[in-house]
Amino acid sequence: SQIHQPPRAALSMTFKRQFLQSVAALSVGLFLSGCGKTTPTPVAAEPAASAPAAPAPAAKVITVGTDPTYAPFEFQNEKGEIVGFDIDVLRAAAQKAGLEVKFVSTPWEGAFTALAQGDRDVLVSAITITDERKQTMDFSDPYFEASQLIAVPAASTVSKLDDLKNKKIGVQTGTTGEEVVVKLQGKTSTNIKRFESTPLALAELAAGGVDAVVADNGVVTHYLANNPSAGFKSITDAGFAPEFYGVALKKGNTELLAQINKGLADIKADGSYQAINDKYFKQAK
């Protein structure tokens, strides 16, 4: 029997219909697929690893020359450490200024040379600010007011500086005490006995080798308070002008000078300076 086949035209129409249905289905699928697509959620970037904090810059260390034979301003304790009023003041001021200090024992007679040569950054050693010294070095703002004082045996009849005009007087070389006595007796006087330190001059007074010692009031007062058996008394004179101690620096070291001045101002403002002053001088007042 013959197989019935649809006419060619019918086949053609059927193929077209199936093709169009397939295209339509594909279009709908693509459309629905496009409509259902969501924008991907952006992935948060991993935070960059934080770099380790840079270490704080090391504080600048300054070398400080001091002659530790001038209690209570600078001296050595039983452990051999350099201590005293000047030491505490400069250490506190330096801390405020972000500086570290290294104190080096420096004989008085060579201290200013060491500063000028750069072997010491600063000097702190009960140094009186004078016009003569300011010609060769710079000074910080004053941190202590002093004056000269006369030490004599308790039985002495001396009552003023002029009474020492013809007497033997002990002084520390290179100090304003020496200047006062030279002005009184003259540069060539053989009655002026010079010593490397004020304690040595006071020891000579105790031994009877001199009639009096002229030195800074803080040192004399401290010595008398701690050596009552020496049998000394102190005498002031209306002619003694006030003196001011300062930190000495090499001429032209303006940056360090500004740092030290700021530190000194800060410790005076916050009460630190007064506490240090009371520690060393309250009993002597």
Protein backbone atom coordinates (compact mmCIF):
# COMPACT_ATOMS: atom_id res chain seq x y z
CA SER A 1 0.00 0.00 0.00
CA GLN A 2 1.11 3.48 -0.62
CA ILE A 3 2.11 5.75 2.22
CA HIS A 4 0.18 8.93 2.26
CA GLN A 5 2.49 11.99 2.27
CA PRO A 6 1.24 15.48 2.82
CA PRO A 7 1.63 17.85 -0.02
CA ARG A 8 4.95 19.81 -0.29
CA ALA A 9 3.15 23.06 0.44
CA ALA A 10 1.82 21.64 3.69
CA LEU A 11 5.30 20.49 4.67
CA SER A 12 6.66 23.88 3.96
CA MET A 13 4.01 25.55 6.07
CA THR A 14 4.59 23.09 8.94
CA PHE A 15 8.37 23.70 8.89
CA LYS A 16 7.94 27.45 8.91
CA ARG A 17 5.51 27.23 11.81
CA GLN A 18 7.87 25.05 13.84
CA PHE A 19 10.83 27.35 13.05
CA LEU A 20 8.90 30.44 14.07
CA GLN A 21 7.76 28.73 17.29
CA SER A 22 11.34 27.78 18.07
CA VAL A 23 12.57 31.31 17.42
CA ALA A 24 9.79 32.74 19.57
CA ALA A 25 10.54 30.33 22.39
CA LEU A 26 14.22 31.17 22.18
CA SER A 27 13.47 34.90 22.23
CA VAL A 28 11.19 34.55 25.24
CA GLY A 29 13.86 32.51 27.03
CA LEU A 30 16.52 35.05 26.34
CA PHE A 31 14.21 37.88 27.39
CA LEU A 32 13.28 36.19 30.63
CA SER A 33 16.89 35.30 31.24
CA GLY A 34 17.88 38.95 30.70
CA CYS A 35 15.15 40.24 33.00
CA GLY A 36 16.05 37.86 35.79
CA LYS A 37 19.78 38.66 35.80
CA THR A 38 20.84 40.63 38.86
CA THR A 39 23.82 42.87 39.15
CA PRO A 40 26.44 40.97 41.13
CA THR A 41 27.06 42.32 44.61
CA PRO A 42 30.46 43.92 44.52
CA VAL A 43 32.90 42.07 46.68
CA ALA A 44 34.44 44.35 49.29
CA ALA A 45 38.11 44.71 48.68
CA GLU A 46 40.28 43.22 51.34
CA PRO A 47 41.58 46.05 53.49
CA ALA A 48 45.18 46.67 52.80
CA ALA A 49 47.38 45.42 55.57
CA SER A 50 48.20 48.40 57.72
CA ALA A 51 51.88 49.22 57.69
CA PRO A 52 53.54 48.90 61.07
CA ALA A 53 53.67 52.22 62.90
CA ALA A 54 56.97 53.94 62.39
CA PRO A 55 59.00 53.98 65.58
CA ALA A 56 59.14 57.33 67.34
CA PRO A 57 62.34 59.14 66.48
CA ALA A 58 64.97 58.71 69.14
CA ALA A 59 65.42 61.73 71.35
CA LYS A 60 68.54 63.71 70.65
CA VAL A 61 71.18 63.11 73.31
CA ILE A 62 73.14 66.16 74.41
CA THR A 63 76.42 65.94 76.31
CA VAL A 64 76.40 68.15 79.39
CA GLY A 65 79.59 69.23 81.09
CA THR A 66 79.42 69.87 84.83
CA ASP A 67 81.93 70.19 87.66
CA PRO A 68 80.42 68.01 90.43
CA THR A 69 82.20 69.72 93.30
CA TYR A 70 79.65 72.45 93.97
CA ALA A 71 76.95 71.07 96.23
CA PRO A 72 74.02 71.43 96.20
CA PHE A 73 74.12 72.46 92.55
CA GLU A 74 76.19 69.55 91.28
CA PHE A 75 77.98 66.86 93.24
CA GLN A 76 78.49 63.11 93.38
CA ASN A 77 76.41 60.95 95.68
CA GLU A 78 77.62 57.86 97.53
CA LYS A 79 77.13 55.81 94.34
CA GLY A 80 79.31 58.16 92.34
CA GLU A 81 76.33 59.51 90.38
CA ILE A 82 76.25 63.18 89.43
CA VAL A 83 73.28 64.77 91.18
CA GLY A 84 72.13 68.17 92.39
CA PHE A 85 69.87 71.13 91.75
CA ASP A 86 71.33 72.00 88.35
CA ILE A 87 71.19 68.37 87.28
CA ASP A 88 67.52 67.99 88.19
CA VAL A 89 66.58 71.29 86.54
CA LEU A 90 68.29 70.56 83.23
CA ARG A 91 67.06 66.97 83.11
CA ALA A 92 63.46 68.12 83.65
CA ALA A 93 63.77 70.91 81.08
CA ALA A 94 65.37 68.56 78.54
CA GLN A 95 62.54 66.04 78.97
CA LYS A 96 60.01 68.78 78.17
CA ALA A 97 62.02 69.64 75.06
CA GLY A 98 62.26 66.03 73.88
CA LEU A 99 65.97 65.78 74.63
CA GLU A 100 68.04 63.30 76.56
CA VAL A 101 70.98 64.42 78.64
CA LYS A 102 74.28 62.75 79.38
CA PHE A 103 76.17 64.39 82.23
CA VAL A 104 79.95 64.27 82.07
CA SER A 105 82.23 65.34 84.91
CA THR A 106 84.20 68.30 83.58
CA PRO A 107 86.74 70.25 85.68
CA TRP A 108 85.76 73.88 85.97
CA GLU A 109 89.02 75.25 84.61
CA GLY A 110 88.65 73.31 81.35
CA ALA A 111 84.88 73.49 80.97
CA PHE A 112 84.65 76.53 78.72
CA THR A 113 87.37 75.22 76.42
CA ALA A 114 85.53 71.90 76.13
CA LEU A 115 82.37 73.80 75.16
CA ALA A 116 84.12 75.94 72.55
CA GLN A 117 85.76 72.87 70.97
CA GLY A 118 82.46 71.00 70.75
CA ASP A 119 83.41 68.34 73.28
CA ARG A 120 80.35 69.36 75.30
CA ASP A 121 77.02 70.50 73.87
CA VAL A 122 76.15 72.54 76.95
CA LEU A 123 77.49 73.34 80.40
CA VAL A 124 75.44 73.49 83.58
CA SER A 125 77.53 74.20 86.63
CA ALA A 126 76.18 77.18 88.58
CA ILE A 127 77.50 79.42 85.81
CA THR A 128 76.77 83.09 86.35
CA ILE A 129 75.72 84.94 83.22
CA THR A 130 78.16 87.82 82.67
CA ASP A 131 78.73 90.24 79.81
CA GLU A 132 82.28 88.99 79.48
CA ARG A 133 81.22 85.36 79.14
CA LYS A 134 78.47 86.28 76.68
CA GLN A 135 81.16 87.40 74.24
CA THR A 136 82.38 83.84 73.76
CA MET A 137 79.30 81.70 74.51
CA ASP A 138 75.52 81.85 74.56
CA PHE A 139 73.33 81.45 77.63
CA SER A 140 69.84 80.18 78.26
CA ASP A 141 67.31 82.24 80.13
CA PRO A 142 68.26 82.46 83.82
CA TYR A 143 67.14 79.56 85.99
CA PHE A 144 68.51 80.63 89.40
CA GLU A 145 69.19 83.91 91.19
CA ALA A 146 72.25 83.98 93.41
CA SER A 147 74.58 86.39 95.16
CA GLN A 148 77.93 86.24 96.88
CA LEU A 149 78.21 85.32 100.54
CA ILE A 150 81.11 85.52 102.98
CA ALA A 151 81.98 82.59 105.24
CA VAL A 152 84.06 83.31 108.33
CA PRO A 153 84.70 81.62 111.69
CA ALA A 154 81.90 82.21 114.18
CA ALA A 155 84.21 84.37 116.37
CA SER A 156 85.28 86.64 113.49
CA THR A 157 84.60 90.38 113.77
CA VAL A 158 84.13 90.71 110.02
CA SER A 159 80.74 92.24 109.23
CA LYS A 160 81.10 93.42 105.63
CA LEU A 161 83.24 92.93 102.54
CA ASP A 162 85.47 95.95 103.22
CA ASP A 163 86.61 94.33 106.46
CA LEU A 164 88.44 91.76 104.32
CA LYS A 165 90.60 94.28 102.49
CA ASN A 166 93.81 93.18 104.20
CA LYS A 167 92.87 89.60 105.09
CA LYS A 168 93.53 86.28 103.42
CA ILE A 169 90.54 85.21 101.35
CA GLY A 170 89.85 81.86 99.73
CA VAL A 171 88.05 81.73 96.38
CA GLN A 172 87.41 79.25 93.61
CA THR A 173 89.40 80.04 90.49
CA GLY A 174 87.42 81.51 87.62
CA THR A 175 84.30 82.36 89.64
CA THR A 176 82.50 85.62 90.27
CA GLY A 177 83.63 85.27 93.89
CA GLU A 178 87.17 85.64 92.66
CA GLU A 179 86.16 88.69 90.64
CA VAL A 180 84.65 90.33 93.74
CA VAL A 181 87.80 89.74 95.79
CA VAL A 182 90.13 90.89 93.00
CA LYS A 183 88.14 94.10 92.77
CA LEU A 184 88.53 94.53 96.54
CA GLN A 185 92.25 93.74 96.90
CA GLY A 186 93.67 94.13 93.38
CA LYS A 187 94.92 91.62 90.81
CA THR A 188 98.38 91.33 92.34
CA SER A 189 97.28 90.75 95.92
CA THR A 190 99.06 87.82 97.57
CA ASN A 191 96.22 87.53 100.08
CA ILE A 192 93.95 85.97 97.50
CA LYS A 193 94.15 82.18 97.74
CA ARG A 194 92.73 80.35 94.75
CA PHE A 195 91.37 76.80 94.84
CA GLU A 196 89.95 74.34 92.33
CA SER A 197 86.64 74.17 94.20
CA THR A 198 84.75 76.07 96.88
CA PRO A 199 84.71 73.07 99.27
CA LEU A 200 88.53 73.10 99.14
CA ALA A 201 88.53 76.81 99.98
CA LEU A 202 86.15 76.16 102.89
CA ALA A 203 88.36 73.31 104.10
CA GLU A 204 91.27 75.77 104.12
CA LEU A 205 89.15 78.13 106.19
CA ALA A 206 88.50 75.34 108.67
CA ALA A 207 92.25 74.71 108.85
CA GLY A 208 92.96 78.37 109.53
CA GLY A 209 94.83 78.96 106.27
CA VAL A 210 92.53 81.82 105.23
CA ASP A 211 90.42 84.32 107.17
CA ALA A 212 87.34 84.09 104.96
CA VAL A 213 85.87 82.54 101.84
CA VAL A 214 83.77 84.41 99.30
CA ALA A 215 81.51 82.24 97.14
CA ASP A 216 77.97 81.81 95.84
CA ASN A 217 75.33 81.92 98.55
CA GLY A 218 73.78 78.57 97.68
CA VAL A 219 77.06 76.72 98.12
CA VAL A 220 78.06 78.51 101.33
CA THR A 221 74.62 78.06 102.90
CA HIS A 222 74.56 74.36 102.00
CA TYR A 223 78.05 73.83 103.43
CA LEU A 224 77.22 75.54 106.71
CA ALA A 225 73.98 73.59 107.07
CA ASN A 226 75.75 70.25 106.52
CA ASN A 227 78.90 71.01 108.48
CA PRO A 228 77.77 72.63 111.74
CA SER A 229 80.89 71.43 113.52
CA ALA A 230 83.00 73.71 111.30
CA GLY A 231 81.84 76.64 113.40
CA PHE A 232 81.31 79.07 110.51
CA LYS A 233 78.86 81.89 110.04
CA SER A 234 77.81 83.65 106.85
CA ILE A 235 77.77 87.38 106.15
CA THR A 236 76.17 89.22 103.29
CA ASP A 237 77.05 92.66 101.99
CA ALA A 238 74.79 95.33 100.56
CA GLY A 239 77.26 95.75 97.70
CA PHE A 240 76.79 92.19 96.42
CA ALA A 241 74.79 92.41 93.20
CA PRO A 242 72.31 89.69 92.28
CA GLU A 243 73.65 87.10 89.85
CA PHE A 244 71.81 84.73 87.56
CA TYR A 245 72.79 81.23 86.52
CA GLY A 246 72.25 80.05 82.98
CA VAL A 247 72.95 77.01 80.81
CA ALA A 248 75.97 77.78 78.62
CA LEU A 249 76.03 76.78 74.93
CA LYS A 250 78.48 77.14 72.11
CA LYS A 251 78.08 80.48 70.36
CA GLY A 252 75.46 80.32 67.61
CA ASN A 253 73.74 77.07 68.61
CA THR A 254 70.35 78.75 68.30
CA GLU A 255 68.23 75.62 67.76
CA LEU A 256 69.37 73.93 70.95
CA LEU A 257 69.15 77.22 72.83
CA ALA A 258 65.49 77.59 71.85
CA GLN A 259 64.73 74.02 72.94
CA ILE A 260 66.33 74.52 76.36
CA ASN A 261 64.60 77.85 76.90
CA LYS A 262 61.25 76.27 76.09
CA GLY A 263 61.94 73.42 78.48
CA LEU A 264 62.87 75.83 81.27
CA ALA A 265 59.73 77.86 80.67
CA ASP A 266 57.59 74.71 80.76
CA ILE A 267 58.94 73.45 84.10
CA LYS A 268 58.48 76.88 85.64
CA ALA A 269 54.89 76.94 84.39
CA ASP A 270 53.86 73.48 85.62
CA GLY A 271 55.42 73.69 89.09
CA SER A 272 58.25 71.23 88.45
CA TYR A 273 60.90 73.88 88.92
CA GLN A 274 59.50 74.99 92.28
CA ALA A 275 59.45 71.39 93.51
CA ILE A 276 63.13 71.00 92.61
CA ASN A 277 63.97 74.31 94.27
CA ASP A 278 62.20 73.28 97.47
CA LYS A 279 64.02 69.95 97.48
CA TYR A 280 67.41 71.64 97.71
CA PHE A 281 66.83 75.03 99.28
CA LYS A 282 63.66 75.00 101.38
CA GLN A 283 65.54 74.18 104.56
CA ALA A 284 68.10 76.87 103.88
CA LYS A 285 65.52 79.63 103.61
